[in-house]
C-alpha atoms as a PDB file:
ATOM      1  CA  UNK A   1     248.517  32.516 -62.314  1.00  0.00           C
ATOM      2  CA  UNK A   2     248.749  32.635 -66.089  1.00  0.00           C
ATOM      3  CA  UNK A   3     246.111  31.939 -68.714  1.00  0.00           C
ATOM      4  CA  UNK A   4     247.279  28.351 -69.236  1.00  0.00           C
ATOM      5  CA  UNK A   5     246.864  27.568 -65.531  1.00  0.00           C
ATOM      6  CA  UNK A   6     243.447  29.242 -65.599  1.00  0.00           C
ATOM      7  CA  UNK A   7     242.397  27.170 -68.619  1.00  0.00           C
ATOM      8  CA  UNK A   8     243.754  23.999 -67.005  1.00  0.00           C
ATOM      9  CA  UNK A   9     241.597  24.645 -63.942  1.00  0.00           C
ATOM     10  CA  UNK A  10     238.559  24.901 -66.211  1.00  0.00           C
ATOM     11  CA  UNK A  11     239.350  21.573 -67.846  1.00  0.00           C
ATOM     12  CA  UNK A  12     239.786  19.957 -64.423  1.00  0.00           C
ATOM     13  CA  UNK A  13     236.636  21.721 -63.130  1.00  0.00           C
ATOM     14  CA  UNK A  14     238.621  22.794 -60.052  1.00  0.00           C
ATOM     15  CA  UNK A  15     238.386  26.517 -59.377  1.00  0.00           C
ATOM     16  CA  UNK A  16     241.654  27.861 -57.982  1.00  0.00           C
ATOM     17  CA  UNK A  17     241.467  29.421 -54.543  1.00  0.00           C
ATOM     18  CA  UNK A  18     241.768  33.164 -54.265  1.00  0.00           C
ATOM     19  CA  UNK A  19     240.299  34.148 -57.636  1.00  0.00           C
ATOM     20  CA  UNK A  20     238.728  37.585 -57.814  1.00  0.00           C
ATOM     21  CA  UNK A  21     234.955  37.753 -58.352  1.00  0.00           C
ATOM     22  CA  UNK A  22     235.676  38.808 -61.926  1.00  0.00           C
ATOM     23  CA  UNK A  23     237.790  35.743 -62.649  1.00  0.00           C
ATOM     24  CA  UNK A  24     235.303  33.529 -60.810  1.00  0.00           C
ATOM     25  CA  UNK A  25     232.586  34.818 -63.139  1.00  0.00           C
ATOM     26  CA  UNK A  26     234.663  34.042 -66.230  1.00  0.00           C
ATOM     27  CA  UNK A  27     235.561  30.633 -64.797  1.00  0.00           C
ATOM     28  CA  UNK A  28     231.891  29.742 -64.207  1.00  0.00           C
ATOM     29  CA  UNK A  29     230.973  31.004 -67.666  1.00  0.00           C
ATOM     30  CA  UNK A  30     233.611  28.747 -69.239  1.00  0.00           C
ATOM     31  CA  UNK A  31     232.198  25.828 -67.262  1.00  0.00           C
ATOM     32  CA  UNK A  32     228.723  26.424 -68.662  1.00  0.00           C
ATOM     33  CA  UNK A  33     227.196  28.164 -65.645  1.00  0.00           C
ATOM     34  CA  UNK A  34     226.103  31.486 -67.161  1.00  0.00           C
ATOM     35  CA  UNK A  35     223.672  32.107 -64.294  1.00  0.00           C
ATOM     36  CA  UNK A  36     226.367  31.860 -61.606  1.00  0.00           C
ATOM     37  CA  UNK A  37     228.687  34.049 -63.676  1.00  0.00           C
ATOM     38  CA  UNK A  38     225.953  36.653 -64.025  1.00  0.00           C
ATOM     39  CA  UNK A  39     225.151  36.570 -60.297  1.00  0.00           C
ATOM     40  CA  UNK A  40     228.786  37.388 -59.497  1.00  0.00           C
ATOM     41  CA  UNK A  41     228.902  40.513 -61.679  1.00  0.00           C
ATOM     42  CA  UNK A  42     225.335  41.737 -61.208  1.00  0.00           C
ATOM     43  CA  UNK A  43     225.586  44.217 -58.371  1.00  0.00           C
ATOM     44  CA  UNK A  44     229.170  45.274 -57.794  1.00  0.00           C
ATOM     45  CA  UNK A  45     230.110  48.661 -59.243  1.00  0.00           C
ATOM     46  CA  UNK A  46     233.027  49.410 -61.504  1.00  0.00           C
ATOM     47  CA  UNK A  47     234.008  49.274 -65.137  1.00  0.00           C
ATOM     48  CA  UNK A  48     235.520  45.787 -64.926  1.00  0.00           C
ATOM     49  CA  UNK A  49     232.273  44.361 -63.535  1.00  0.00           C
ATOM     50  CA  UNK A  50     230.287  46.239 -66.195  1.00  0.00           C
ATOM     51  CA  UNK A  51     232.605  44.883 -68.901  1.00  0.00           C
ATOM     52  CA  UNK A  52     232.109  41.249 -67.934  1.00  0.00           C
ATOM     53  CA  UNK A  53     228.395  41.890 -67.437  1.00  0.00           C
ATOM     54  CA  UNK A  54     228.285  43.214 -71.015  1.00  0.00           C
ATOM     55  CA  UNK A  55     230.071  40.129 -72.350  1.00  0.00           C
ATOM     56  CA  UNK A  56     227.647  37.834 -70.557  1.00  0.00           C
ATOM     57  CA  UNK A  57     224.588  39.592 -71.985  1.00  0.00           C
ATOM     58  CA  UNK A  58     226.156  39.521 -75.451  1.00  0.00           C
ATOM     59  CA  UNK A  59     226.678  35.791 -75.024  1.00  0.00           C
ATOM     60  CA  UNK A  60     223.065  35.446 -73.906  1.00  0.00           C
ATOM     61  CA  UNK A  61     221.986  37.205 -77.104  1.00  0.00           C
ATOM     62  CA  UNK A  62     220.506  40.239 -75.337  1.00  0.00           C
ATOM     63  CA  UNK A  63     222.361  42.865 -77.357  1.00  0.00           C
ATOM     64  CA  UNK A  64     220.339  45.828 -76.098  1.00  0.00           C
ATOM     65  CA  UNK A  65     221.275  44.967 -72.495  1.00  0.00           C
ATOM     66  CA  UNK A  66     224.847  44.129 -73.526  1.00  0.00           C
ATOM     67  CA  UNK A  67     225.223  47.540 -75.176  1.00  0.00           C
ATOM     68  CA  UNK A  68     223.994  49.227 -71.996  1.00  0.00           C
ATOM     69  CA  UNK A  69     226.731  47.461 -70.017  1.00  0.00           C
ATOM     70  CA  UNK A  70     229.423  48.120 -72.644  1.00  0.00           C
ATOM     71  CA  UNK A  71     228.517  51.805 -72.372  1.00  0.00           C
ATOM     72  CA  UNK A  72     228.831  51.640 -68.553  1.00  0.00           C
ATOM     73  CA  UNK A  73     232.217  49.991 -69.019  1.00  0.00           C
ATOM     74  CA  UNK A  74     233.260  52.795 -71.354  1.00  0.00           C
ATOM     75  CA  UNK A  75     233.895  50.464 -74.287  1.00  0.00           C
ATOM     76  CA  UNK A  76     232.108  49.695 -77.557  1.00  0.00           C
ATOM     77  CA  UNK A  77     230.752  46.228 -78.261  1.00  0.00           C
ATOM     78  CA  UNK A  78     233.668  44.354 -79.868  1.00  0.00           C
ATOM     79  CA  UNK A  79     233.397  42.905 -83.347  1.00  0.00           C
ATOM     80  CA  UNK A  80     235.199  39.697 -82.411  1.00  0.00           C
ATOM     81  CA  UNK A  81     233.710  36.329 -81.543  1.00  0.00           C
ATOM     82  CA  UNK A  82     232.734  35.443 -77.984  1.00  0.00           C
ATOM     83  CA  UNK A  83     235.666  33.055 -77.522  1.00  0.00           C
ATOM     84  CA  UNK A  84     238.135  35.798 -78.394  1.00  0.00           C
ATOM     85  CA  UNK A  85     236.340  38.267 -76.145  1.00  0.00           C
ATOM     86  CA  UNK A  86     236.395  35.802 -73.233  1.00  0.00           C
ATOM     87  CA  UNK A  87     240.152  35.257 -73.634  1.00  0.00           C
ATOM     88  CA  UNK A  88     240.832  38.999 -73.779  1.00  0.00           C
ATOM     89  CA  UNK A  89     238.809  39.461 -70.599  1.00  0.00           C
ATOM     90  CA  UNK A  90     240.633  36.658 -68.797  1.00  0.00           C
ATOM     91  CA  UNK A  91     244.003  38.074 -69.823  1.00  0.00           C
ATOM     92  CA  UNK A  92     242.931  41.526 -68.699  1.00  0.00           C
ATOM     93  CA  UNK A  93     241.698  40.226 -65.355  1.00  0.00           C
ATOM     94  CA  UNK A  94     244.915  38.267 -64.869  1.00  0.00           C
ATOM     95  CA  UNK A  95     246.763  41.502 -65.777  1.00  0.00           C
ATOM     96  CA  UNK A  96     248.505  39.839 -68.687  1.00  0.00           C
ATOM     97  CA  UNK A  97     249.408  41.759 -71.856  1.00  0.00           C
END
């Protein structure tokens, strides 16, 4: 799957089968379900989960909590807008350059 197919699935509101939990979280976030996205990344261990968790708390406006999760992910809070951050995360999770 590439980013265009992922974005098309968001427009159609039809989640593709076989998405990782990380991509499911980003998919739900793009469809306006922050709570579901957060549920998917709140619990599993690993830097990728922490990174998406950080993004979600930044989006929520809870920067203190976001910074905690960015630190767990081993990355600083980016100075880009949320749309750009979301796309970078999707590309990373799809293993695209």
